[in-house]
């Protein structure tokens, strides 16, 4: 017979066991055994209840919101949050079929936003994302927004709408907005900025969201002030109606402003943007993809800001007949980085040499070889400190550093909203391998920090950092010994660090400034517009030919 601890461990792992095996311990005179046995039995019964709730929802096509909420609550209590997204999306689909469009779209927003934020498995599956896009499309068609009779505005300047879910001063979206506002060609283009405010609490919220954010007027006051100084129109969507009313309101504003191209800096968690993508309110639509695309059929082009994600999705879009591009997002070298961080605040000695690595998926990009390399560097230089900045489950890396005896000199800063200014706390930046974050490398270069990078392979993610810093500064052929030697030299020689840091800044100014990004955005808009015009022209020719074929001669034949 298995011991109580073995049974409890199996229950904690999510396995189903025979409850009778716990009964002998439930009557134990030992209070600890009695507690563990009853708690394990309760968890088993909760899992049974969860399964029955799921089957009851399936029986009625997920149409009962009360049972759905019970299922979500039990799943959260059990720690099985990955199971919540699918049923909520199906409930939203059922609500749309019942013509409760606002309820259905709100529910889908709840599910997708939570799944994306927590790195869930549902939105990682393209079939699921395509299903969500179909539901948004159904809602957009049934809502019945009445567009203009013609969208051929014939503007002197190309009017570009930049649509985001919210404006926040310390967000990547705000940095993009500021960069475009300052560097776009005002003679060729006129920039408009719009916020859907999809994460803000609306007056008519028919399906509650897991979290709400403050309005853009509070979170993005500095960005909006800058836009006002540059005379860039900024429209903040109203929140006095339900989600469908908000979508119509923003679509009406796009038509009023005679927009030529819309750039959606949004994901599927923004239902307002997704519905607008299906309406004929402009001549062309581009989805700027940071992590996950919108997957809406009304989008003409998907532009990725990360080369590795673009490489993975390029064939997918090609099969669907959708144009896909990669566009490196450069650095706004004029941005205000705020006050420099104080090392004492983070418990770092002033005389320490601080090395830093920054990324959004550090657990995926930092391999065992890189950990071993950093362990060798830290052992060779007792006054050096290593700082990891960003997101990722780094438990295994942390254990590796601790077992090597250098764990106390490795810090974990987590996700920082004050980048790239925070990187000024470091003396040098280390690009991880095999893959590294493009944004982190460029931010460090913009701060005049020397960068050490190694070309691990020919794939974009494995060679991008090396390409940024140049062939003269990078290390090739997976030579970890050369990597350690380069880092050690920079730790020892402050003059070399300063010289290389200035070279990094000069490369950013020459090749990766936001003035060049703005030009790429303008060229992309023009190319997509031309492609859309060619397509519409070909369609008109086909229609004319059809009219001719149906004329008197065709009838006689």
Protein backbone atom coordinates (compact mmCIF):
# COMPACT_ATOMS: atom_id res chain seq x y z
CA UNK A 1 0.00 0.00 0.00
CA UNK A 2 1.44 3.43 -0.92
CA UNK A 3 2.31 5.83 1.87
CA UNK A 4 0.29 8.97 2.58
CA UNK A 5 3.03 11.22 1.21
CA UNK A 6 3.12 9.24 -2.03
CA UNK A 7 -0.66 9.59 -2.38
CA UNK A 8 -0.56 13.32 -1.63
CA UNK A 9 2.25 13.84 -4.13
CA UNK A 10 0.26 12.04 -6.83
CA UNK A 11 -2.81 14.18 -6.08
CA UNK A 12 -0.74 17.36 -6.19
CA UNK A 13 0.54 16.36 -9.63
CA UNK A 14 -3.04 16.13 -10.86
CA UNK A 15 -3.31 12.35 -10.93
CA UNK A 16 -6.58 10.64 -10.04
CA UNK A 17 -6.35 7.99 -7.31
CA UNK A 18 -8.85 5.77 -5.51
CA UNK A 19 -10.26 7.84 -2.59
CA UNK A 20 -10.53 4.68 -0.51
CA UNK A 21 -6.74 4.68 -0.20
CA UNK A 22 -7.02 7.86 1.88
CA UNK A 23 -9.72 6.63 4.27
CA UNK A 24 -7.36 4.89 6.68
CA UNK A 25 -5.39 8.14 7.10
CA UNK A 26 -8.55 10.24 7.49
CA UNK A 27 -9.28 8.43 10.78
CA UNK A 28 -5.69 8.71 12.02
CA UNK A 29 -4.95 10.04 15.48
CA UNK A 30 -2.07 12.00 13.96
CA UNK A 31 -3.44 15.48 13.18
CA UNK A 32 -0.96 16.05 10.32
CA UNK A 33 -1.93 12.80 8.60
CA UNK A 34 -5.62 13.57 9.09
CA UNK A 35 -5.18 17.06 7.60
CA UNK A 36 -3.27 15.85 4.53
CA UNK A 37 -5.68 12.98 3.86
CA UNK A 38 -8.81 15.11 4.06
CA UNK A 39 -7.27 17.86 1.95
CA UNK A 40 -6.20 15.39 -0.74
CA UNK A 41 -9.70 13.86 -0.72
CA UNK A 42 -11.22 17.34 -1.11
CA UNK A 43 -8.98 18.05 -4.11
CA UNK A 44 -10.05 14.77 -5.72
CA UNK A 45 -13.72 15.64 -5.26
CA UNK A 46 -13.12 19.12 -6.67
CA UNK A 47 -11.54 17.61 -9.78
CA UNK A 48 -14.53 15.30 -10.15
CA UNK A 49 -16.83 18.34 -9.80
CA UNK A 50 -14.78 20.21 -12.39
CA UNK A 51 -15.14 17.37 -14.88
CA UNK A 52 -18.90 17.19 -14.30
CA UNK A 53 -19.21 20.96 -14.79
CA UNK A 54 -17.29 20.73 -18.05
CA UNK A 55 -19.53 17.91 -19.28
CA UNK A 56 -22.64 19.85 -18.28
CA UNK A 57 -21.37 22.86 -20.26
CA UNK A 58 -20.70 20.66 -23.28
CA UNK A 59 -24.23 19.26 -23.05
CA UNK A 60 -25.78 22.74 -23.45
CA UNK A 61 -23.15 24.11 -25.86
CA UNK A 62 -21.51 26.27 -23.16
CA UNK A 63 -24.53 28.58 -22.95
CA UNK A 64 -24.95 28.83 -19.15
CA UNK A 65 -22.89 31.71 -17.74
CA UNK A 66 -23.47 30.76 -14.10
CA UNK A 67 -22.07 27.24 -14.52
CA UNK A 68 -19.24 28.67 -16.63
CA UNK A 69 -18.25 31.02 -13.80
CA UNK A 70 -18.35 28.08 -11.36
CA UNK A 71 -16.12 26.06 -13.67
CA UNK A 72 -13.62 28.94 -13.99
CA UNK A 73 -13.54 29.44 -10.21
CA UNK A 74 -12.91 25.75 -9.50
CA UNK A 75 -10.24 25.58 -12.23
CA UNK A 76 -8.48 28.58 -10.68
CA UNK A 77 -8.62 27.04 -7.23
CA UNK A 78 -7.12 23.82 -8.59
CA UNK A 79 -4.39 25.77 -10.38
CA UNK A 80 -5.56 24.54 -13.79
CA UNK A 81 -5.97 27.96 -15.37
CA UNK A 82 -5.04 26.61 -18.81
CA UNK A 83 -8.49 25.00 -18.93
CA UNK A 84 -10.40 28.26 -18.61
CA UNK A 85 -9.78 29.80 -22.05
CA UNK A 86 -11.45 27.23 -24.33
CA UNK A 87 -14.83 27.05 -22.52
CA UNK A 88 -15.09 30.85 -22.24
CA UNK A 89 -14.36 31.26 -25.96
CA UNK A 90 -17.04 28.67 -26.76
CA UNK A 91 -19.47 30.51 -24.49
CA UNK A 92 -18.69 33.71 -26.38
CA UNK A 93 -19.26 31.97 -29.71
CA UNK A 94 -22.63 30.68 -28.46
CA UNK A 95 -23.60 34.18 -27.29
CA UNK A 96 -22.77 35.65 -30.71
CA UNK A 97 -24.93 32.96 -32.33
CA UNK A 98 -27.78 34.09 -30.02
CA UNK A 99 -27.21 37.67 -31.25
CA UNK A 100 -25.83 38.77 -27.89
CA UNK A 101 -22.83 40.29 -29.61
CA UNK A 102 -21.47 42.46 -26.79
CA UNK A 103 -21.67 39.57 -24.31
CA UNK A 104 -19.93 37.17 -26.70
CA UNK A 105 -17.14 39.55 -27.66
CA UNK A 106 -16.56 40.59 -24.02
CA UNK A 107 -16.29 36.93 -23.01
CA UNK A 108 -13.76 36.16 -25.75
CA UNK A 109 -11.73 39.21 -24.73
CA UNK A 110 -11.68 37.93 -21.15
CA UNK A 111 -10.40 34.51 -22.22
CA UNK A 112 -7.80 35.63 -24.77
CA UNK A 113 -6.38 38.49 -22.70
CA UNK A 114 -5.84 36.18 -19.71
CA UNK A 115 -4.30 33.43 -21.84
CA UNK A 116 -1.86 35.76 -23.61
CA UNK A 117 -0.83 37.46 -20.37
CA UNK A 118 -0.15 34.15 -18.63
CA UNK A 119 1.46 32.42 -21.62
CA UNK A 120 -1.36 29.90 -21.95
CA UNK A 121 -1.51 27.05 -24.42
CA UNK A 122 -4.79 28.07 -26.09
CA UNK A 123 -3.47 31.11 -27.99
CA UNK A 124 -0.29 29.23 -28.92
CA UNK A 125 -2.42 27.06 -31.24
CA UNK A 126 -3.13 28.72 -34.59
CA UNK A 127 -6.33 26.75 -35.10
CA UNK A 128 -7.70 28.20 -31.88
CA UNK A 129 -6.65 31.70 -32.96
CA UNK A 130 -8.36 31.20 -36.33
CA UNK A 131 -11.54 30.13 -34.54
CA UNK A 132 -11.42 33.28 -32.38
CA UNK A 133 -10.92 35.41 -35.50
CA UNK A 134 -14.01 33.81 -37.05
CA UNK A 135 -16.08 34.76 -34.00
CA UNK A 136 -14.92 38.37 -34.16
CA UNK A 137 -15.71 38.35 -37.89
CA UNK A 138 -19.24 37.05 -37.25
CA UNK A 139 -19.81 39.74 -34.64
CA UNK A 140 -18.46 42.47 -36.92
CA UNK A 141 -20.77 41.42 -39.76
CA UNK A 142 -23.85 41.12 -37.56
CA UNK A 143 -23.32 44.37 -35.66
CA UNK A 144 -24.05 46.13 -38.92
CA UNK A 145 -21.76 49.14 -38.96
CA UNK A 146 -22.64 51.26 -42.01
CA UNK A 147 -19.46 52.35 -43.75
CA UNK A 148 -19.05 55.12 -46.35
CA UNK A 149 -20.06 54.64 -49.96
CA UNK A 150 -16.45 55.19 -51.06
CA UNK A 151 -13.09 55.12 -49.30
CA UNK A 152 -11.05 56.64 -52.13
CA UNK A 153 -10.32 59.83 -50.23
CA UNK A 154 -7.74 61.22 -52.68
CA UNK A 155 -5.75 62.84 -49.84
CA UNK A 156 -2.71 64.96 -50.68
CA UNK A 157 -0.83 63.33 -47.83
CA UNK A 158 -1.08 59.66 -46.94
CA UNK A 159 -3.05 59.59 -43.72
CA UNK A 160 -1.79 56.89 -41.37
CA UNK A 161 -3.76 55.78 -38.33
CA UNK A 162 -1.80 54.14 -35.54
CA UNK A 163 -4.27 52.18 -33.41
CA UNK A 164 -3.23 50.72 -30.05
CA UNK A 165 -5.18 49.17 -27.20
CA UNK A 166 -4.05 51.79 -24.70
CA UNK A 167 -1.48 54.56 -24.37
CA UNK A 168 0.96 54.13 -21.50
CA UNK A 169 4.04 56.30 -21.09
CA UNK A 170 6.38 53.46 -20.10
CA UNK A 171 5.16 50.95 -22.66
CA UNK A 172 6.79 49.81 -25.93
CA UNK A 173 3.75 51.07 -27.83
CA UNK A 174 4.23 54.59 -26.47
CA UNK A 175 7.90 54.55 -27.53
CA UNK A 176 6.79 53.61 -31.05
CA UNK A 177 4.19 56.35 -31.11
CA UNK A 178 6.70 58.97 -29.98
CA UNK A 179 9.29 57.76 -32.48
CA UNK A 180 6.86 57.92 -35.40
CA UNK A 181 5.49 61.28 -34.29
CA UNK A 182 8.95 62.85 -34.18
CA UNK A 183 10.51 61.27 -37.26
CA UNK A 184 7.80 60.73 -39.90
CA UNK A 185 7.90 62.84 -43.06
CA UNK A 186 5.17 65.44 -42.55
CA UNK A 187 5.21 66.35 -46.24
CA UNK A 188 4.37 62.82 -47.36
CA UNK A 189 2.31 61.54 -44.42
CA UNK A 190 -0.04 62.75 -41.75
CA UNK A 191 -0.05 60.64 -38.57
CA UNK A 192 -3.12 60.08 -36.40
CA UNK A 193 -3.04 58.14 -33.12
CA UNK A 194 -6.04 56.24 -31.73
CA UNK A 195 -6.56 54.21 -28.58
CA UNK A 196 -9.35 51.61 -28.48
CA UNK A 197 -9.33 51.67 -24.63
CA UNK A 198 -10.29 48.00 -24.69
CA UNK A 199 -8.73 47.29 -21.29
CA UNK A 200 -10.56 50.15 -19.56
CA UNK A 201 -13.78 49.47 -17.63
CA UNK A 202 -16.73 50.42 -19.83
CA UNK A 203 -20.09 51.66 -18.61
CA UNK A 204 -21.79 48.62 -20.12
CA UNK A 205 -19.49 45.70 -19.36
CA UNK A 206 -21.70 42.64 -19.86
CA UNK A 207 -18.96 40.07 -19.15
CA UNK A 208 -16.46 41.09 -16.49
CA UNK A 209 -12.75 41.15 -17.33
CA UNK A 210 -10.06 39.66 -15.10
CA UNK A 211 -8.24 42.99 -14.80
CA UNK A 212 -8.81 46.59 -15.82
CA UNK A 213 -6.31 49.33 -16.61
CA UNK A 214 -6.62 53.08 -16.02
CA UNK A 215 -7.63 55.23 -18.97
CA UNK A 216 -4.97 56.49 -21.37
CA UNK A 217 -5.51 60.02 -20.10
CA UNK A 218 -3.93 58.92 -16.81
CA UNK A 219 -1.38 56.36 -18.00
CA UNK A 220 -0.23 58.18 -21.14
CA UNK A 221 -0.44 61.85 -20.16
CA UNK A 222 3.17 62.61 -21.14
CA UNK A 223 2.86 60.86 -24.51
CA UNK A 224 -0.37 62.68 -25.29
CA UNK A 225 1.21 65.99 -24.30
CA UNK A 226 4.10 65.31 -26.68
CA UNK A 227 1.66 64.47 -29.49
CA UNK A 228 -0.18 67.71 -28.84
CA UNK A 229 3.07 69.70 -29.12
CA UNK A 230 3.89 67.99 -32.42
CA UNK A 231 0.31 68.61 -33.63
CA UNK A 232 -0.39 64.90 -34.09
CA UNK A 233 -4.13 64.25 -33.59
CA UNK A 234 -4.83 61.78 -30.77
CA UNK A 235 -8.26 60.19 -30.36
CA UNK A 236 -9.15 58.34 -27.16
CA UNK A 237 -12.15 56.08 -27.67
CA UNK A 238 -15.25 56.61 -25.54
CA UNK A 239 -16.17 54.02 -22.92
CA UNK A 240 -19.79 55.03 -22.31
CA UNK A 241 -21.24 52.09 -24.25
CA UNK A 242 -20.64 48.38 -24.70
CA UNK A 243 -17.80 46.95 -26.77
CA UNK A 244 -19.75 47.02 -30.05
CA UNK A 245 -20.73 50.68 -29.55
CA UNK A 246 -17.07 51.53 -28.85
CA UNK A 247 -15.99 49.77 -32.05
CA UNK A 248 -18.57 51.68 -34.12
CA UNK A 249 -17.50 54.96 -32.52
CA UNK A 250 -13.85 54.44 -33.45
CA UNK A 251 -14.72 53.29 -36.98
CA UNK A 252 -16.80 56.44 -37.48
CA UNK A 253 -13.83 58.55 -36.39
CA UNK A 254 -11.52 56.82 -38.87
CA UNK A 255 -13.94 57.65 -41.67
CA UNK A 256 -14.31 61.21 -40.45
CA UNK A 257 -10.51 61.60 -40.50
CA UNK A 258 -10.33 60.09 -44.03
CA UNK A 259 -7.67 57.54 -43.05
CA UNK A 260 -5.77 55.77 -45.84
CA UNK A 261 -3.81 53.14 -43.87
CA UNK A 262 -4.47 51.72 -40.43
CA UNK A 263 -1.61 50.19 -38.42
CA UNK A 264 -2.99 47.98 -35.67
CA UNK A 265 -0.51 47.64 -32.81
CA UNK A 266 -2.91 45.13 -31.22
CA UNK A 267 -3.41 41.42 -30.63
CA UNK A 268 -6.52 39.21 -30.46
CA UNK A 269 -7.10 40.39 -26.91
CA UNK A 270 -8.44 43.66 -28.40
CA UNK A 271 -11.94 42.92 -29.81
CA UNK A 272 -12.53 46.53 -30.84
CA UNK A 273 -9.49 46.53 -33.12
CA UNK A 274 -10.36 43.07 -34.45
CA UNK A 275 -13.89 44.11 -35.45
CA UNK A 276 -12.65 47.34 -37.05
CA UNK A 277 -10.19 45.25 -39.08
CA UNK A 278 -13.20 43.63 -40.78
CA UNK A 279 -14.94 46.91 -41.71
CA UNK A 280 -14.29 48.99 -44.83
CA UNK A 281 -13.24 52.14 -42.99
CA UNK A 282 -9.90 52.72 -44.76
CA UNK A 283 -8.00 51.66 -47.88
CA UNK A 284 -5.45 49.32 -46.29
CA UNK A 285 -4.80 47.62 -42.94
CA UNK A 286 -1.51 46.47 -41.39
CA UNK A 287 -1.10 44.47 -38.19
CA UNK A 288 2.08 45.31 -36.29
CA UNK A 289 2.80 42.04 -34.47
CA UNK A 290 4.82 42.13 -31.26
CA UNK A 291 3.96 38.72 -29.81
CA UNK A 292 0.83 37.30 -31.47
CA UNK A 293 -1.00 38.54 -34.61
CA UNK A 294 -4.68 39.44 -34.87
CA UNK A 295 -5.36 36.68 -37.45
CA UNK A 296 -8.18 38.77 -38.98
CA UNK A 297 -8.98 38.23 -42.67
CA UNK A 298 -9.49 41.96 -43.21
CA UNK A 299 -5.81 42.70 -42.58
CA UNK A 300 -3.73 43.15 -45.74
CA UNK A 301 -0.27 42.77 -44.20
CA UNK A 302 1.29 41.46 -41.00
CA UNK A 303 4.55 43.15 -40.01
CA UNK A 304 6.69 41.53 -37.32
CA UNK A 305 9.14 43.36 -35.07
CA UNK A 306 11.03 40.16 -34.16
CA UNK A 307 12.91 38.26 -36.84
CA UNK A 308 12.53 34.84 -35.20
CA UNK A 309 8.73 35.09 -34.97
CA UNK A 310 8.58 36.28 -38.56
CA UNK A 311 10.63 33.32 -39.74
CA UNK A 312 8.31 30.89 -37.93
CA UNK A 313 5.10 32.42 -39.34
CA UNK A 314 6.16 33.39 -42.87
CA UNK A 315 5.01 30.15 -44.52
CA UNK A 316 1.70 30.28 -42.66
CA UNK A 317 0.85 33.72 -44.07
CA UNK A 318 2.09 32.77 -47.53
CA UNK A 319 -0.36 29.85 -47.63
CA UNK A 320 -3.17 32.21 -46.65
CA UNK A 321 -2.21 34.73 -49.34
CA UNK A 322 -1.41 37.46 -46.80
CA UNK A 323 1.66 39.65 -47.17
CA UNK A 324 4.06 39.36 -44.23
CA UNK A 325 7.10 41.49 -43.49
CA UNK A 326 9.84 41.92 -40.91
CA UNK A 327 10.55 45.45 -39.79
CA UNK A 328 13.21 46.09 -37.19
CA UNK A 329 12.01 48.60 -34.63
CA UNK A 330 14.87 51.00 -34.05
CA UNK A 331 15.74 53.22 -31.11
CA UNK A 332 14.45 56.70 -30.45
CA UNK A 333 17.76 58.30 -29.50
CA UNK A 334 16.11 61.52 -28.33
CA UNK A 335 13.84 59.89 -25.74
CA UNK A 336 13.99 60.95 -22.11
CA UNK A 337 15.47 58.05 -20.14
CA UNK A 338 14.80 59.61 -16.76
CA UNK A 339 17.23 59.63 -13.83
CA UNK A 340 19.96 57.00 -13.80
CA UNK A 341 19.28 54.09 -11.42
CA UNK A 342 21.22 54.04 -8.15
CA UNK A 343 23.08 50.80 -7.47
CA UNK A 344 22.65 51.10 -3.71
CA UNK A 345 18.88 50.86 -4.18
CA UNK A 346 19.33 47.32 -5.50
CA UNK A 347 22.06 46.26 -3.07
CA UNK A 348 24.84 46.44 -5.67
CA UNK A 349 28.24 47.76 -4.49
CA UNK A 350 29.38 50.90 -6.29
CA UNK A 351 32.75 49.37 -7.18
CA UNK A 352 31.22 46.22 -8.69
CA UNK A 353 31.33 45.52 -12.43
CA UNK A 354 27.72 44.90 -13.43
CA UNK A 355 26.94 42.68 -16.42
CA UNK A 356 23.37 42.53 -17.71
CA UNK A 357 21.16 40.54 -20.07
CA UNK A 358 17.62 41.58 -20.99
CA UNK A 359 14.83 39.68 -22.76
CA UNK A 360 11.14 38.78 -22.84
CA UNK A 361 11.68 34.98 -22.85
CA UNK A 362 14.86 34.48 -20.89
CA UNK A 363 14.02 30.90 -19.95
CA UNK A 364 13.92 30.01 -23.66
CA UNK A 365 16.98 32.00 -24.78
CA UNK A 366 19.44 31.24 -21.97
CA UNK A 367 20.84 27.76 -22.54
CA UNK A 368 23.02 25.58 -20.32
CA UNK A 369 26.15 26.56 -22.27
CA UNK A 370 25.48 30.23 -21.57
CA UNK A 371 24.93 29.51 -17.86
CA UNK A 372 28.23 27.62 -17.72
CA UNK A 373 29.95 30.53 -19.49
CA UNK A 374 28.58 33.03 -16.95
CA UNK A 375 29.62 30.78 -14.05
CA UNK A 376 33.20 30.77 -15.37
CA UNK A 377 33.16 34.58 -15.73
CA UNK A 378 31.81 35.12 -12.21
CA UNK A 379 34.32 32.72 -10.70
CA UNK A 380 37.19 34.48 -12.46
CA UNK A 381 36.05 37.94 -11.32
CA UNK A 382 34.82 37.99 -7.69
CA UNK A 383 33.84 41.70 -7.88
CA UNK A 384 31.52 41.13 -10.89
CA UNK A 385 27.73 40.98 -10.61
CA UNK A 386 25.34 39.55 -13.20
CA UNK A 387 21.85 40.98 -13.64
CA UNK A 388 19.00 39.27 -15.53
CA UNK A 389 16.28 41.68 -16.65
CA UNK A 390 12.98 40.51 -18.12
CA UNK A 391 10.45 37.71 -18.06
CA UNK A 392 10.86 33.96 -17.94
CA UNK A 393 10.76 31.00 -15.58
CA UNK A 394 14.39 30.89 -14.51
CA UNK A 395 14.19 28.34 -11.69
CA UNK A 396 16.55 25.85 -13.40
CA UNK A 397 19.08 28.58 -14.25
CA UNK A 398 18.90 29.87 -10.68
CA UNK A 399 19.59 26.41 -9.27
CA UNK A 400 22.55 26.07 -11.63
CA UNK A 401 24.07 29.36 -10.43
CA UNK A 402 23.48 28.48 -6.78
CA UNK A 403 24.97 25.00 -7.07
CA UNK A 404 28.08 26.57 -8.65
CA UNK A 405 28.48 28.90 -5.66
CA UNK A 406 27.84 32.19 -7.54
CA UNK A 407 24.10 32.53 -6.87
CA UNK A 408 24.55 35.49 -4.49
CA UNK A 409 26.10 37.53 -7.30
CA UNK A 410 23.27 36.91 -9.77
CA UNK A 411 20.27 39.27 -9.56
CA UNK A 412 16.81 38.97 -11.13
CA UNK A 413 15.26 42.33 -11.92
CA UNK A 414 12.12 40.98 -13.60
CA UNK A 415 10.18 42.95 -16.20
CA UNK A 416 11.11 46.63 -16.20
CA UNK A 417 8.98 49.40 -17.62
CA UNK A 418 11.81 51.95 -17.41
CA UNK A 419 13.96 50.40 -20.13
CA UNK A 420 16.30 51.35 -21.74
CA UNK A 421 17.15 53.83 -18.96
CA UNK A 422 17.51 51.06 -16.40
CA UNK A 423 20.29 49.45 -18.45
CA UNK A 424 22.55 52.33 -17.43
CA UNK A 425 23.04 50.44 -14.16
CA UNK A 426 25.24 48.00 -16.10
CA UNK A 427 28.85 48.36 -17.20
CA UNK A 428 28.51 45.94 -20.11
CA UNK A 429 25.76 44.00 -21.84
CA UNK A 430 25.98 40.28 -22.59
CA UNK A 431 23.86 38.94 -25.44
CA UNK A 432 22.74 35.44 -24.48
CA UNK A 433 23.08 32.46 -26.78
CA UNK A 434 21.98 30.57 -28.78
CA UNK A 435 19.28 33.25 -29.35
CA UNK A 436 19.20 36.76 -27.95
CA UNK A 437 16.74 39.62 -27.63
CA UNK A 438 17.14 42.20 -30.41
CA UNK A 439 15.50 44.90 -28.31
CA UNK A 440 17.81 44.37 -25.35
CA UNK A 441 20.94 44.59 -27.50
CA UNK A 442 19.80 47.79 -29.24
CA UNK A 443 18.76 49.39 -25.96
CA UNK A 444 22.16 48.68 -24.45
CA UNK A 445 23.90 50.09 -27.52
CA UNK A 446 21.77 53.24 -27.31
CA UNK A 447 22.94 53.68 -23.69
CA UNK A 448 26.61 53.54 -24.79
CA UNK A 449 27.13 50.17 -23.17
CA UNK A 450 29.62 47.74 -24.75
CA UNK A 451 27.95 44.57 -26.00
CA UNK A 452 29.43 41.08 -26.19
CA UNK A 453 27.62 38.80 -28.65
CA UNK A 454 28.39 35.51 -30.35
CA UNK A 455 27.18 34.27 -33.71
CA UNK A 456 25.80 30.86 -32.77
CA UNK A 457 24.45 29.88 -36.18
CA UNK A 458 22.97 31.12 -39.46
CA UNK A 459 19.38 31.33 -38.20
CA UNK A 460 18.13 34.87 -37.65
CA UNK A 461 17.73 34.53 -33.88
CA UNK A 462 21.21 33.04 -33.55
CA UNK A 463 22.99 35.71 -35.61
CA UNK A 464 20.97 38.91 -35.15
CA UNK A 465 22.84 40.27 -32.12
CA UNK A 466 26.18 39.68 -33.84
CA UNK A 467 24.94 41.57 -36.89
CA UNK A 468 23.90 44.53 -34.72
CA UNK A 469 27.30 45.04 -33.12
CA UNK A 470 29.27 44.33 -36.31
CA UNK A 471 31.68 41.66 -37.49
CA UNK A 472 34.65 43.32 -35.76
CA UNK A 473 33.05 43.18 -32.32
CA UNK A 474 31.25 39.82 -32.38
CA UNK A 475 32.53 36.31 -31.71
CA UNK A 476 31.88 33.54 -34.21
CA UNK A 477 32.01 29.74 -34.44
CA UNK A 478 30.42 29.09 -31.03
CA UNK A 479 33.72 29.78 -29.29
CA UNK A 480 32.73 30.10 -25.62
CA UNK A 481 36.37 30.49 -24.58
CA UNK A 482 36.69 33.56 -26.80
CA UNK A 483 33.42 34.88 -25.32
CA UNK A 484 34.79 34.52 -21.78
CA UNK A 485 38.07 36.14 -22.79
CA UNK A 486 36.25 39.13 -24.36
CA UNK A 487 34.08 39.63 -21.28
CA UNK A 488 37.09 39.35 -18.97
CA UNK A 489 38.99 41.95 -20.96
CA UNK A 490 36.10 44.40 -20.73
CA UNK A 491 35.80 43.78 -16.99
CA UNK A 492 39.49 44.56 -16.48
CA UNK A 493 39.85 47.52 -18.86
CA UNK A 494 37.56 50.47 -18.19
CA UNK A 495 39.02 52.49 -21.07
CA UNK A 496 38.19 49.70 -23.52
CA UNK A 497 34.64 49.53 -22.15
CA UNK A 498 34.12 53.26 -22.68
CA UNK A 499 35.59 53.16 -26.20
CA UNK A 500 33.47 50.18 -27.28
CA UNK A 501 30.37 51.74 -25.72
CA UNK A 502 30.79 54.85 -27.87
CA UNK A 503 31.23 52.66 -30.94
CA UNK A 504 27.95 50.87 -30.11
CA UNK A 505 26.14 54.20 -29.80
CA UNK A 506 27.56 55.35 -33.14
CA UNK A 507 26.30 52.15 -34.84
CA UNK A 508 22.81 52.73 -33.49
CA UNK A 509 22.83 56.32 -34.73
CA UNK A 510 24.04 55.22 -38.16
CA UNK A 511 21.94 52.10 -38.74
CA UNK A 512 19.23 51.63 -36.13
CA UNK A 513 17.77 55.03 -35.27
CA UNK A 514 14.02 55.56 -35.30
CA UNK A 515 14.33 58.02 -38.18
CA UNK A 516 15.09 54.99 -40.35
CA UNK A 517 12.25 53.01 -38.79
CA UNK A 518 9.85 55.83 -39.65
CA UNK A 519 11.00 55.69 -43.28
CA UNK A 520 10.43 51.93 -43.35
CA UNK A 521 6.93 52.41 -41.96
CA UNK A 522 6.12 55.01 -44.62
CA UNK A 523 7.45 52.75 -47.39
CA UNK A 524 5.47 49.80 -46.03
CA UNK A 525 2.26 51.84 -46.01
CA UNK A 526 2.81 52.99 -49.59
CA UNK A 527 3.57 49.45 -50.80
CA UNK A 528 0.50 47.98 -49.11
CA UNK A 529 -1.65 50.78 -50.51
CA UNK A 530 -0.35 50.12 -54.02
CA UNK A 531 -0.99 46.39 -53.65
CA UNK A 532 -4.56 47.06 -52.45
CA UNK A 533 -5.17 49.48 -55.33
CA UNK A 534 -3.90 46.92 -57.85
CA UNK A 535 -6.14 44.24 -56.37
CA UNK A 536 -9.21 46.46 -56.40
CA UNK A 537 -8.43 47.56 -59.96
CA UNK A 538 -8.18 43.96 -61.11
CA UNK A 539 -11.50 43.19 -59.42
CA UNK A 540 -13.18 46.10 -61.21
CA UNK A 541 -11.81 44.90 -64.56
CA UNK A 542 -13.25 41.45 -63.90
CA UNK A 543 -16.62 42.98 -63.02
CA UNK A 544 -16.59 45.02 -66.23
CA UNK A 545 -15.71 41.92 -68.24
CA UNK A 546 -18.58 40.05 -66.59
CA UNK A 547 -20.97 42.84 -67.57
CA UNK A 548 -19.77 42.63 -71.18
CA UNK A 549 -20.18 38.84 -71.22
CA UNK A 550 -23.75 39.19 -70.04
CA UNK A 551 -24.62 41.69 -72.80
CA UNK A 552 -26.66 41.07 -76.02
CA UNK A 553 -23.84 39.32 -77.91
CA UNK A 554 -23.32 36.82 -75.10
CA UNK A 555 -27.04 36.18 -74.92
CA UNK A 556 -27.26 35.52 -78.69
CA UNK A 557 -24.33 33.14 -78.50
